[in-house]
Amino acid sequence: MRSETLTNVCWGLFLVWFGSVAAVLGGNFGATINSPTFALGTGVLLLAMNFVRSIQHTKVSPLTIGLGTILTVIYAPLVFLGVNIPFLPALLIILGVVLIIGAIRTQKFF
């Protein structure tokens, strides 16, 4: 399967996942975005996409592997055990800042 085809399939799966969770939550998109179940499923989807890419010996994305791992590890205890992880927003902000700094340093903007 070509990388572009895999990407399109994963986007399709993401949209089906988003729509399914939104339907269960009565069409409330705000609640869907904030749903731990939605976050966990999205993390698993990102990891699955990179797993298929690695099997096909195509380039995997460190960003989506990292984000998928964070979402899965953080939200699995919340979904399955009801354990809340209060530091997730700070962790996502730190990850975003690290990505921005890394991008700026590699492009030699300054």
PDB file of N, CA and C in Angstrom:
ATOM      1  N   MET A   1       0.852  -1.173   0.000  1.00  0.00           N
ATOM      2  CA  MET A   1       0.000   0.000   0.000  1.00  0.00           C
ATOM      3  C   MET A   1       0.900   1.239   0.000  1.00  0.00           C
ATOM      4  N   ARG A   2       0.603   2.190  -0.859  1.00  0.00           N
ATOM      5  CA  ARG A   2       1.372   3.429  -0.920  1.00  0.00           C
ATOM      6  C   ARG A   2       1.148   4.252   0.338  1.00  0.00           C
ATOM      7  N   SER A   3       2.123   5.079   0.667  1.00  0.00           N
ATOM      8  CA  SER A   3       2.042   5.916   1.863  1.00  0.00           C
ATOM      9  C   SER A   3       0.835   6.849   1.797  1.00  0.00           C
ATOM     10  N   GLU A   4       0.577   7.400   0.617  1.00  0.00           N
ATOM     11  CA  GLU A   4      -0.560   8.305   0.451  1.00  0.00           C
ATOM     12  C   GLU A   4      -1.880   7.565   0.673  1.00  0.00           C
ATOM     13  N   THR A   5      -1.974   6.347   0.189  1.00  0.00           N
ATOM     14  CA  THR A   5      -3.179   5.542   0.385  1.00  0.00           C
ATOM     15  C   THR A   5      -3.388   5.255   1.863  1.00  0.00           C
ATOM     16  N   LEU A   6      -2.319   4.880   2.555  1.00  0.00           N
ATOM     17  CA  LEU A   6      -2.410   4.617   3.989  1.00  0.00           C
ATOM     18  C   LEU A   6      -2.854   5.863   4.742  1.00  0.00           C
ATOM     19  N   THR A   7      -2.295   7.011   4.383  1.00  0.00           N
ATOM     20  CA  THR A   7      -2.684   8.263   5.027  1.00  0.00           C
ATOM     21  C   THR A   7      -4.166   8.536   4.812  1.00  0.00           C
ATOM     22  N   ASN A   8      -4.659   8.340   3.601  1.00  0.00           N
ATOM     23  CA  ASN A   8      -6.079   8.565   3.317  1.00  0.00           C
ATOM     24  C   ASN A   8      -6.971   7.599   4.086  1.00  0.00           C
ATOM     25  N   VAL A   9      -6.559   6.337   4.177  1.00  0.00           N
ATOM     26  CA  VAL A   9      -7.327   5.352   4.948  1.00  0.00           C
ATOM     27  C   VAL A   9      -7.377   5.769   6.415  1.00  0.00           C
ATOM     28  N   CYS A  10      -6.249   6.211   6.941  1.00  0.00           N
ATOM     29  CA  CYS A  10      -6.217   6.617   8.354  1.00  0.00           C
ATOM     30  C   CYS A  10      -7.054   7.866   8.597  1.00  0.00           C
ATOM     31  N   TRP A  11      -7.034   8.816   7.677  1.00  0.00           N
ATOM     32  CA  TRP A  11      -7.917   9.972   7.812  1.00  0.00           C
ATOM     33  C   TRP A  11      -9.383   9.528   7.788  1.00  0.00           C
ATOM     34  N   GLY A  12      -9.697   8.596   6.903  1.00  0.00           N
ATOM     35  CA  GLY A  12     -11.063   8.074   6.865  1.00  0.00           C
ATOM     36  C   GLY A  12     -11.452   7.407   8.167  1.00  0.00           C
ATOM     37  N   LEU A  13     -10.554   6.590   8.710  1.00  0.00           N
ATOM     38  CA  LEU A  13     -10.823   5.945  10.000  1.00  0.00           C
ATOM     39  C   LEU A  13     -10.982   6.975  11.110  1.00  0.00           C
ATOM     40  N   PHE A  14     -10.155   8.022  11.072  1.00  0.00           N
ATOM     41  CA  PHE A  14     -10.265   9.080  12.075  1.00  0.00           C
ATOM     42  C   PHE A  14     -11.631   9.756  12.002  1.00  0.00           C
ATOM     43  N   LEU A  15     -12.085  10.079  10.792  1.00  0.00           N
ATOM     44  CA  LEU A  15     -13.386  10.738  10.645  1.00  0.00           C
ATOM     45  C   LEU A  15     -14.533   9.829  11.078  1.00  0.00           C
ATOM     46  N   VAL A  16     -14.436   8.541  10.755  1.00  0.00           N
ATOM     47  CA  VAL A  16     -15.450   7.583  11.218  1.00  0.00           C
ATOM     48  C   VAL A  16     -15.427   7.514  12.744  1.00  0.00           C
ATOM     49  N   TRP A  17     -14.242   7.472  13.334  1.00  0.00           N
ATOM     50  CA  TRP A  17     -14.103   7.433  14.794  1.00  0.00           C
ATOM     51  C   TRP A  17     -14.702   8.693  15.415  1.00  0.00           C
ATOM     52  N   PHE A  18     -14.350   9.856  14.868  1.00  0.00           N
ATOM     53  CA  PHE A  18     -14.865  11.125  15.378  1.00  0.00           C
ATOM     54  C   PHE A  18     -16.389  11.157  15.301  1.00  0.00           C
ATOM     55  N   GLY A  19     -16.928  10.773  14.150  1.00  0.00           N
ATOM     56  CA  GLY A  19     -18.378  10.765  13.981  1.00  0.00           C
ATOM     57  C   GLY A  19     -19.074   9.775  14.895  1.00  0.00           C
ATOM     58  N   SER A  20     -18.465   8.626  15.110  1.00  0.00           N
ATOM     59  CA  SER A  20     -19.060   7.609  15.987  1.00  0.00           C
ATOM     60  C   SER A  20     -19.112   8.081  17.430  1.00  0.00           C
ATOM     61  N   VAL A  21     -18.005   8.643  17.913  1.00  0.00           N
ATOM     62  CA  VAL A  21     -17.992   9.144  19.295  1.00  0.00           C
ATOM     63  C   VAL A  21     -18.961  10.309  19.431  1.00  0.00           C
ATOM     64  N   ALA A  22     -19.000  11.188  18.432  1.00  0.00           N
ATOM     65  CA  ALA A  22     -19.930  12.318  18.469  1.00  0.00           C
ATOM     66  C   ALA A  22     -21.379  11.834  18.487  1.00  0.00           C
ATOM     67  N   ALA A  23     -21.685  10.801  17.722  1.00  0.00           N
ATOM     68  CA  ALA A  23     -23.049  10.264  17.697  1.00  0.00           C
ATOM     69  C   ALA A  23     -23.437   9.698  19.056  1.00  0.00           C
ATOM     70  N   VAL A  24     -22.513   8.983  19.687  1.00  0.00           N
ATOM     71  CA  VAL A  24     -22.790   8.418  21.015  1.00  0.00           C
ATOM     72  C   VAL A  24     -23.027   9.534  22.026  1.00  0.00           C
ATOM     73  N   LEU A  25     -22.330  10.659  21.851  1.00  0.00           N
ATOM     74  CA  LEU A  25     -22.472  11.788  22.774  1.00  0.00           C
ATOM     75  C   LEU A  25     -23.551  12.769  22.319  1.00  0.00           C
ATOM     76  N   GLY A  26     -24.443  12.324  21.473  1.00  0.00           N
ATOM     77  CA  GLY A  26     -25.588  13.134  21.062  1.00  0.00           C
ATOM     78  C   GLY A  26     -25.254  14.261  20.105  1.00  0.00           C
ATOM     79  N   GLY A  27     -24.181  14.134  19.353  1.00  0.00           N
ATOM     80  CA  GLY A  27     -23.822  15.160  18.380  1.00  0.00           C
ATOM     81  C   GLY A  27     -23.109  16.358  18.979  1.00  0.00           C
ATOM     82  N   ASN A  28     -22.729  16.279  20.233  1.00  0.00           N
ATOM     83  CA  ASN A  28     -22.041  17.379  20.905  1.00  0.00           C
ATOM     84  C   ASN A  28     -20.549  17.308  20.579  1.00  0.00           C
ATOM     85  N   PHE A  29     -20.114  18.142  19.623  1.00  0.00           N
ATOM     86  CA  PHE A  29     -18.723  18.077  19.181  1.00  0.00           C
ATOM     87  C   PHE A  29     -17.753  18.560  20.250  1.00  0.00           C
ATOM     88  N   GLY A  30     -18.173  19.504  21.075  1.00  0.00           N
ATOM     89  CA  GLY A  30     -17.325  19.954  22.179  1.00  0.00           C
ATOM     90  C   GLY A  30     -17.041  18.823  23.149  1.00  0.00           C
ATOM     91  N   ALA A  31     -18.078  18.069  23.480  1.00  0.00           N
ATOM     92  CA  ALA A  31     -17.894  16.923  24.374  1.00  0.00           C
ATOM     93  C   ALA A  31     -17.056  15.842  23.699  1.00  0.00           C
ATOM     94  N   THR A  32     -17.174  15.728  22.385  1.00  0.00           N
ATOM     95  CA  THR A  32     -16.393  14.720  21.657  1.00  0.00           C
ATOM     96  C   THR A  32     -14.907  15.033  21.735  1.00  0.00           C
ATOM     97  N   ILE A  33     -14.550  16.283  21.482  1.00  0.00           N
ATOM     98  CA  ILE A  33     -13.144  16.685  21.522  1.00  0.00           C
ATOM     99  C   ILE A  33     -12.562  16.461  22.916  1.00  0.00           C
ATOM    100  N   ASN A  34     -13.361  16.674  23.949  1.00  0.00           N
ATOM    101  CA  ASN A  34     -12.895  16.520  25.327  1.00  0.00           C
ATOM    102  C   ASN A  34     -13.073  15.111  25.870  1.00  0.00           C
ATOM    103  N   SER A  35     -13.564  14.202  25.061  1.00  0.00           N
ATOM    104  CA  SER A  35     -13.834  12.842  25.520  1.00  0.00           C
ATOM    105  C   SER A  35     -12.543  12.030  25.649  1.00  0.00           C
ATOM    106  N   PRO A  36     -12.306  11.432  26.815  1.00  0.00           N
ATOM    107  CA  PRO A  36     -11.139  10.559  26.965  1.00  0.00           C
ATOM    108  C   PRO A  36     -11.176   9.371  26.004  1.00  0.00           C
ATOM    109  N   THR A  37     -12.359   8.865  25.725  1.00  0.00           N
ATOM    110  CA  THR A  37     -12.490   7.744  24.793  1.00  0.00           C
ATOM    111  C   THR A  37     -12.038   8.158  23.393  1.00  0.00           C
ATOM    112  N   PHE A  38     -12.420   9.355  22.979  1.00  0.00           N
ATOM    113  CA  PHE A  38     -11.997   9.874  21.679  1.00  0.00           C
ATOM    114  C   PHE A  38     -10.477  10.022  21.632  1.00  0.00           C
ATOM    115  N   ALA A  39      -9.889  10.569  22.689  1.00  0.00           N
ATOM    116  CA  ALA A  39      -8.436  10.761  22.732  1.00  0.00           C
ATOM    117  C   ALA A  39      -7.703   9.423  22.693  1.00  0.00           C
ATOM    118  N   LEU A  40      -8.191   8.458  23.452  1.00  0.00           N
ATOM    119  CA  LEU A  40      -7.561   7.138  23.468  1.00  0.00           C
ATOM    120  C   LEU A  40      -7.634   6.488  22.087  1.00  0.00           C
ATOM    121  N   GLY A  41      -8.790   6.523  21.463  1.00  0.00           N
ATOM    122  CA  GLY A  41      -8.940   5.940  20.127  1.00  0.00           C
ATOM    123  C   GLY A  41      -8.062   6.624  19.093  1.00  0.00           C
ATOM    124  N   THR A  42      -7.930   7.941  19.204  1.00  0.00           N
ATOM    125  CA  THR A  42      -7.068   8.682  18.289  1.00  0.00           C
ATOM    126  C   THR A  42      -5.608   8.282  18.482  1.00  0.00           C
ATOM    127  N   GLY A  43      -5.195   8.122  19.734  1.00  0.00           N
ATOM    128  CA  GLY A  43      -3.828   7.678  20.013  1.00  0.00           C
ATOM    129  C   GLY A  43      -3.548   6.300  19.447  1.00  0.00           C
ATOM    130  N   VAL A  44      -4.493   5.399  19.621  1.00  0.00           N
ATOM    131  CA  VAL A  44      -4.330   4.040  19.089  1.00  0.00           C
ATOM    132  C   VAL A  44      -4.267   4.080  17.560  1.00  0.00           C
ATOM    133  N   LEU A  45      -5.090   4.909  16.940  1.00  0.00           N
ATOM    134  CA  LEU A  45      -5.076   5.036  15.480  1.00  0.00           C
ATOM    135  C   LEU A  45      -3.724   5.558  14.982  1.00  0.00           C
ATOM    136  N   LEU A  46      -3.162   6.552  15.652  1.00  0.00           N
ATOM    137  CA  LEU A  46      -1.853   7.079  15.258  1.00  0.00           C
ATOM    138  C   LEU A  46      -0.762   6.016  15.379  1.00  0.00           C
ATOM    139  N   LEU A  47      -0.805   5.262  16.472  1.00  0.00           N
ATOM    140  CA  LEU A  47       0.187   4.195  16.652  1.00  0.00           C
ATOM    141  C   LEU A  47       0.011   3.093  15.609  1.00  0.00           C
ATOM    142  N   ALA A  48      -1.239   2.748  15.308  1.00  0.00           N
ATOM    143  CA  ALA A  48      -1.506   1.704  14.309  1.00  0.00           C
ATOM    144  C   ALA A  48      -1.006   2.131  12.927  1.00  0.00           C
ATOM    145  N   MET A  49      -1.212   3.403  12.586  1.00  0.00           N
ATOM    146  CA  MET A  49      -0.749   3.903  11.291  1.00  0.00           C
ATOM    147  C   MET A  49       0.773   3.761  11.180  1.00  0.00           C
ATOM    148  N   ASN A  50       1.483   4.128  12.221  1.00  0.00           N
ATOM    149  CA  ASN A  50       2.942   4.020  12.184  1.00  0.00           C
ATOM    150  C   ASN A  50       3.409   2.575  12.233  1.00  0.00           C
ATOM    151  N   PHE A  51       2.656   1.716  12.884  1.00  0.00           N
ATOM    152  CA  PHE A  51       2.984   0.290  12.895  1.00  0.00           C
ATOM    153  C   PHE A  51       2.906  -0.275  11.482  1.00  0.00           C
ATOM    154  N   VAL A  52       1.838   0.066  10.762  1.00  0.00           N
ATOM    155  CA  VAL A  52       1.696  -0.406   9.378  1.00  0.00           C
ATOM    156  C   VAL A  52       2.823   0.163   8.516  1.00  0.00           C
ATOM    157  N   ARG A  53       3.149   1.438   8.716  1.00  0.00           N
ATOM    158  CA  ARG A  53       4.255   2.032   7.957  1.00  0.00           C
ATOM    159  C   ARG A  53       5.567   1.305   8.222  1.00  0.00           C
ATOM    160  N   SER A  54       5.810   0.940   9.476  1.00  0.00           N
ATOM    161  CA  SER A  54       7.069   0.253   9.788  1.00  0.00           C
ATOM    162  C   SER A  54       7.107  -1.139   9.163  1.00  0.00           C
ATOM    163  N   ILE A  55       5.967  -1.820   9.114  1.00  0.00           N
ATOM    164  CA  ILE A  55       5.905  -3.133   8.465  1.00  0.00           C
ATOM    165  C   ILE A  55       6.194  -3.001   6.970  1.00  0.00           C
ATOM    166  N   GLN A  56       5.714  -1.913   6.379  1.00  0.00           N
ATOM    167  CA  GLN A  56       5.915  -1.685   4.945  1.00  0.00           C
ATOM    168  C   GLN A  56       7.273  -1.055   4.630  1.00  0.00           C
ATOM    169  N   HIS A  57       8.053  -0.799   5.646  1.00  0.00           N
ATOM    170  CA  HIS A  57       9.370  -0.176   5.487  1.00  0.00           C
ATOM    171  C   HIS A  57       9.273   1.198   4.843  1.00  0.00           C
ATOM    172  N   THR A  58       8.225   1.944   5.196  1.00  0.00           N
ATOM    173  CA  THR A  58       8.122   3.335   4.780  1.00  0.00           C
ATOM    174  C   THR A  58       8.391   4.214   5.992  1.00  0.00           C
ATOM    175  N   LYS A  59       8.585   5.489   5.728  1.00  0.00           N
ATOM    176  CA  LYS A  59       8.974   6.414   6.791  1.00  0.00           C
ATOM    177  C   LYS A  59       7.852   6.566   7.816  1.00  0.00           C
ATOM    178  N   VAL A  60       8.220   6.395   9.081  1.00  0.00           N
ATOM    179  CA  VAL A  60       7.279   6.634  10.173  1.00  0.00           C
ATOM    180  C   VAL A  60       7.472   8.062  10.661  1.00  0.00           C
ATOM    181  N   SER A  61       6.482   8.576  11.358  1.00  0.00           N
ATOM    182  CA  SER A  61       6.532   9.943  11.853  1.00  0.00           C
ATOM    183  C   SER A  61       6.793   9.947  13.357  1.00  0.00           C
ATOM    184  N   PRO A  62       7.934  10.482  13.780  1.00  0.00           N
ATOM    185  CA  PRO A  62       8.195  10.563  15.221  1.00  0.00           C
ATOM    186  C   PRO A  62       7.136  11.393  15.949  1.00  0.00           C
ATOM    187  N   LEU A  63       6.609  12.419  15.280  1.00  0.00           N
ATOM    188  CA  LEU A  63       5.579  13.252  15.899  1.00  0.00           C
ATOM    189  C   LEU A  63       4.326  12.441  16.202  1.00  0.00           C
ATOM    190  N   THR A  64       3.816  11.698  15.218  1.00  0.00           N
ATOM    191  CA  THR A  64       2.585  10.942  15.457  1.00  0.00           C
ATOM    192  C   THR A  64       2.824   9.742  16.361  1.00  0.00           C
ATOM    193  N   ILE A  65       4.033   9.197  16.361  1.00  0.00           N
ATOM    194  CA  ILE A  65       4.348   8.131  17.318  1.00  0.00           C
ATOM    195  C   ILE A  65       4.329   8.698  18.731  1.00  0.00           C
ATOM    196  N   GLY A  66       4.969   9.853  18.914  1.00  0.00           N
ATOM    197  CA  GLY A  66       4.996  10.483  20.236  1.00  0.00           C
ATOM    198  C   GLY A  66       3.621  10.881  20.712  1.00  0.00           C
ATOM    199  N   LEU A  67       2.851  11.525  19.838  1.00  0.00           N
ATOM    200  CA  LEU A  67       1.506  11.950  20.212  1.00  0.00           C
ATOM    201  C   LEU A  67       0.607  10.747  20.470  1.00  0.00           C
ATOM    202  N   GLY A  68       0.689   9.740  19.627  1.00  0.00           N
ATOM    203  CA  GLY A  68      -0.109   8.529  19.833  1.00  0.00           C
ATOM    204  C   GLY A  68       0.231   7.834  21.135  1.00  0.00           C
ATOM    205  N   THR A  69       1.525   7.787  21.461  1.00  0.00           N
ATOM    206  CA  THR A  69       1.953   7.169  22.718  1.00  0.00           C
ATOM    207  C   THR A  69       1.450   7.962  23.912  1.00  0.00           C
ATOM    208  N   ILE A  70       1.594   9.288  23.848  1.00  0.00           N
ATOM    209  CA  ILE A  70       1.124  10.127  24.956  1.00  0.00           C
ATOM    210  C   ILE A  70      -0.375   9.954  25.153  1.00  0.00           C
ATOM    211  N   LEU A  71      -1.145  10.044  24.081  1.00  0.00           N
ATOM    212  CA  LEU A  71      -2.599   9.908  24.205  1.00  0.00           C
ATOM    213  C   LEU A  71      -2.993   8.541  24.745  1.00  0.00           C
ATOM    214  N   THR A  72      -2.339   7.500  24.262  1.00  0.00           N
ATOM    215  CA  THR A  72      -2.681   6.149  24.703  1.00  0.00           C
ATOM    216  C   THR A  72      -2.297   5.923  26.158  1.00  0.00           C
ATOM    217  N   VAL A  73      -1.083   6.297  26.522  1.00  0.00           N
ATOM    218  CA  VAL A  73      -0.610   6.060  27.891  1.00  0.00           C
ATOM    219  C   VAL A  73      -1.380   6.907  28.900  1.00  0.00           C
ATOM    220  N   ILE A  74      -1.677   8.141  28.547  1.00  0.00           N
ATOM    221  CA  ILE A  74      -2.368   9.035  29.476  1.00  0.00           C
ATOM    222  C   ILE A  74      -3.849   8.669  29.598  1.00  0.00           C
ATOM    223  N   TYR A  75      -4.506   8.382  28.472  1.00  0.00           N
ATOM    224  CA  TYR A  75      -5.952   8.196  28.509  1.00  0.00           C
ATOM    225  C   TYR A  75      -6.402   6.766  28.776  1.00  0.00           C
ATOM    226  N   ALA A  76      -5.560   5.776  28.589  1.00  0.00           N
ATOM    227  CA  ALA A  76      -5.970   4.395  28.885  1.00  0.00           C
ATOM    228  C   ALA A  76      -6.364   4.229  30.354  1.00  0.00           C
ATOM    229  N   PRO A  77      -5.567   4.737  31.323  1.00  0.00           N
ATOM    230  CA  PRO A  77      -6.002   4.600  32.725  1.00  0.00           C
ATOM    231  C   PRO A  77      -7.302   5.348  33.009  1.00  0.00           C
ATOM    232  N   LEU A  78      -7.494   6.483  32.343  1.00  0.00           N
ATOM    233  CA  LEU A  78      -8.716   7.257  32.558  1.00  0.00           C
ATOM    234  C   LEU A  78      -9.936   6.516  32.031  1.00  0.00           C
ATOM    235  N   VAL A  79      -9.824   5.956  30.828  1.00  0.00           N
ATOM    236  CA  VAL A  79     -10.961   5.265  30.218  1.00  0.00           C
ATOM    237  C   VAL A  79     -11.257   3.948  30.927  1.00  0.00           C
ATOM    238  N   PHE A  80     -10.228   3.168  31.207  1.00  0.00           N
ATOM    239  CA  PHE A  80     -10.448   1.827  31.744  1.00  0.00           C
ATOM    240  C   PHE A  80     -10.522   1.767  33.264  1.00  0.00           C
ATOM    241  N   LEU A  81      -9.839   2.686  33.961  1.00  0.00           N
ATOM    242  CA  LEU A  81      -9.801   2.629  35.424  1.00  0.00           C
ATOM    243  C   LEU A  81     -10.420   3.846  36.101  1.00  0.00           C
ATOM    244  N   GLY A  82     -10.746   4.869  35.334  1.00  0.00           N
ATOM    245  CA  GLY A  82     -11.318   6.076  35.911  1.00  0.00           C
ATOM    246  C   GLY A  82     -10.296   6.952  36.624  1.00  0.00           C
ATOM    247  N   VAL A  83      -9.003   6.752  36.344  1.00  0.00           N
ATOM    248  CA  VAL A  83      -7.936   7.517  36.986  1.00  0.00           C
ATOM    249  C   VAL A  83      -7.661   8.767  36.156  1.00  0.00           C
ATOM    250  N   ASN A  84      -7.744   9.949  36.776  1.00  0.00           N
ATOM    251  CA  ASN A  84      -7.530  11.206  36.072  1.00  0.00           C
ATOM    252  C   ASN A  84      -6.053  11.592  36.094  1.00  0.00           C
ATOM    253  N   ILE A  85      -5.559  12.107  34.984  1.00  0.00           N
ATOM    254  CA  ILE A  85      -4.172  12.547  34.863  1.00  0.00           C
ATOM    255  C   ILE A  85      -4.191  14.073  34.693  1.00  0.00           C
ATOM    256  N   PRO A  86      -3.989  14.839  35.784  1.00  0.00           N
ATOM    257  CA  PRO A  86      -4.165  16.290  35.708  1.00  0.00           C
ATOM    258  C   PRO A  86      -3.066  17.042  34.964  1.00  0.00           C
ATOM    259  N   PHE A  87      -1.916  16.434  34.722  1.00  0.00           N
ATOM    260  CA  PHE A  87      -0.808  17.161  34.102  1.00  0.00           C
ATOM    261  C   PHE A  87      -0.791  17.063  32.581  1.00  0.00           C
ATOM    262  N   LEU A  88      -1.808  16.477  31.964  1.00  0.00           N
ATOM    263  CA  LEU A  88      -1.812  16.317  30.510  1.00  0.00           C
ATOM    264  C   LEU A  88      -1.713  17.644  29.761  1.00  0.00           C
ATOM    265  N   PRO A  89      -2.479  18.678  30.119  1.00  0.00           N
ATOM    266  CA  PRO A  89      -2.338  19.936  29.365  1.00  0.00           C
ATOM    267  C   PRO A  89      -0.909  20.482  29.394  1.00  0.00           C
ATOM    268  N   ALA A  90      -0.270  20.440  30.553  1.00  0.00           N
ATOM    269  CA  ALA A  90       1.110  20.930  30.645  1.00  0.00           C
ATOM    270  C   ALA A  90       2.043  20.078  29.789  1.00  0.00           C
ATOM    271  N   LEU A  91       1.828  18.778  29.772  1.00  0.00           N
ATOM    272  CA  LEU A  91       2.659  17.882  28.976  1.00  0.00           C
ATOM    273  C   LEU A  91       2.519  18.188  27.486  1.00  0.00           C
ATOM    274  N   LEU A  92       1.305  18.448  27.033  1.00  0.00           N
ATOM    275  CA  LEU A  92       1.084  18.769  25.621  1.00  0.00           C
ATOM    276  C   LEU A  92       1.719  20.108  25.254  1.00  0.00           C
ATOM    277  N   ILE A  93       1.649  21.090  26.166  1.00  0.00           N
ATOM    278  CA  ILE A  93       2.276  22.391  25.912  1.00  0.00           C
ATOM    279  C   ILE A  93       3.789  22.231  25.794  1.00  0.00           C
ATOM    280  N   ILE A  94       4.378  21.472  26.711  1.00  0.00           N
ATOM    281  CA  ILE A  94       5.828  21.239  26.669  1.00  0.00           C
ATOM    282  C   ILE A  94       6.221  20.538  25.370  1.00  0.00           C
ATOM    283  N   LEU A  95       5.462  19.524  24.968  1.00  0.00           N
ATOM    284  CA  LEU A  95       5.737  18.823  23.714  1.00  0.00           C
ATOM    285  C   LEU A  95       5.666  19.787  22.532  1.00  0.00           C
ATOM    286  N   GLY A  96       4.654  20.648  22.516  1.00  0.00           N
ATOM    287  CA  GLY A  96       4.519  21.630  21.440  1.00  0.00           C
ATOM    288  C   GLY A  96       5.689  22.593  21.377  1.00  0.00           C
ATOM    289  N   VAL A  97       6.125  23.084  22.536  1.00  0.00           N
ATOM    290  CA  VAL A  97       7.264  24.007  22.579  1.00  0.00           C
ATOM    291  C   VAL A  97       8.536  23.313  22.087  1.00  0.00           C
ATOM    292  N   VAL A  98       8.748  22.074  22.508  1.00  0.00           N
ATOM    293  CA  VAL A  98       9.925  21.321  22.057  1.00  0.00           C
ATOM    294  C   VAL A  98       9.899  21.151  20.537  1.00  0.00           C
ATOM    295  N   LEU A  99       8.735  20.846  19.973  1.00  0.00           N
ATOM    296  CA  LEU A  99       8.627  20.692  18.519  1.00  0.00           C
ATOM    297  C   LEU A  99       8.914  22.001  17.793  1.00  0.00           C
ATOM    298  N   ILE A 100       8.398  23.104  18.320  1.00  0.00           N
ATOM    299  CA  ILE A 100       8.625  24.412  17.692  1.00  0.00           C
ATOM    300  C   ILE A 100      10.108  24.769  17.729  1.00  0.00           C
ATOM    301  N   ILE A 101      10.733  24.596  18.885  1.00  0.00           N
ATOM    302  CA  ILE A 101      12.158  24.905  19.015  1.00  0.00           C
ATOM    303  C   ILE A 101      12.986  24.015  18.083  1.00  0.00           C
ATOM    304  N   GLY A 102      12.654  22.740  18.028  1.00  0.00           N
ATOM    305  CA  GLY A 102      13.370  21.827  17.138  1.00  0.00           C
ATOM    306  C   GLY A 102      13.237  22.230  15.678  1.00  0.00           C
ATOM    307  N   ALA A 103      12.035  22.633  15.276  1.00  0.00           N
ATOM    308  CA  ALA A 103      11.818  23.049  13.888  1.00  0.00           C
ATOM    309  C   ALA A 103      12.597  24.313  13.566  1.00  0.00           C
ATOM    310  N   ILE A 104      12.604  25.257  14.488  1.00  0.00           N
ATOM    311  CA  ILE A 104      13.331  26.506  14.264  1.00  0.00           C
ATOM    312  C   ILE A 104      14.835  26.243  14.188  1.00  0.00           C
ATOM    313  N   ARG A 105      15.336  25.402  15.057  1.00  0.00           N
ATOM    314  CA  ARG A 105      16.777  25.113  15.072  1.00  0.00           C
ATOM    315  C   ARG A 105      17.224  24.395  13.802  1.00  0.00           C
ATOM    316  N   THR A 106      16.411  23.500  13.272  1.00  0.00           N
ATOM    317  CA  THR A 106      16.826  22.764  12.073  1.00  0.00           C
ATOM    318  C   THR A 106      16.710  23.609  10.810  1.00  0.00           C
ATOM    319  N   GLN A 107      15.825  24.596  10.809  1.00  0.00           N
ATOM    320  CA  GLN A 107      15.663  25.455   9.636  1.00  0.00           C
ATOM    321  C   GLN A 107      16.580  26.668   9.678  1.00  0.00           C
ATOM    322  N   LYS A 108      17.261  26.880  10.782  1.00  0.00           N
ATOM    323  CA  LYS A 108      18.193  27.995  10.945  1.00  0.00           C
ATOM    324  C   LYS A 108      17.516  29.329  10.631  1.00  0.00           C
ATOM    325  N   PHE A 109      16.380  29.574  11.290  1.00  0.00           N
ATOM    326  CA  PHE A 109      15.667  30.831  11.107  1.00  0.00           C
ATOM    327  C   PHE A 109      16.453  32.009  11.677  1.00  0.00           C
ATOM    328  N   PHE A 110      17.241  31.737  12.698  1.00  0.00           N
ATOM    329  CA  PHE A 110      17.952  32.828  13.381  1.00  0.00           C
ATOM    330  C   PHE A 110      19.435  32.717  13.173  1.00  0.00           C
TER     331      PHE A 110
END
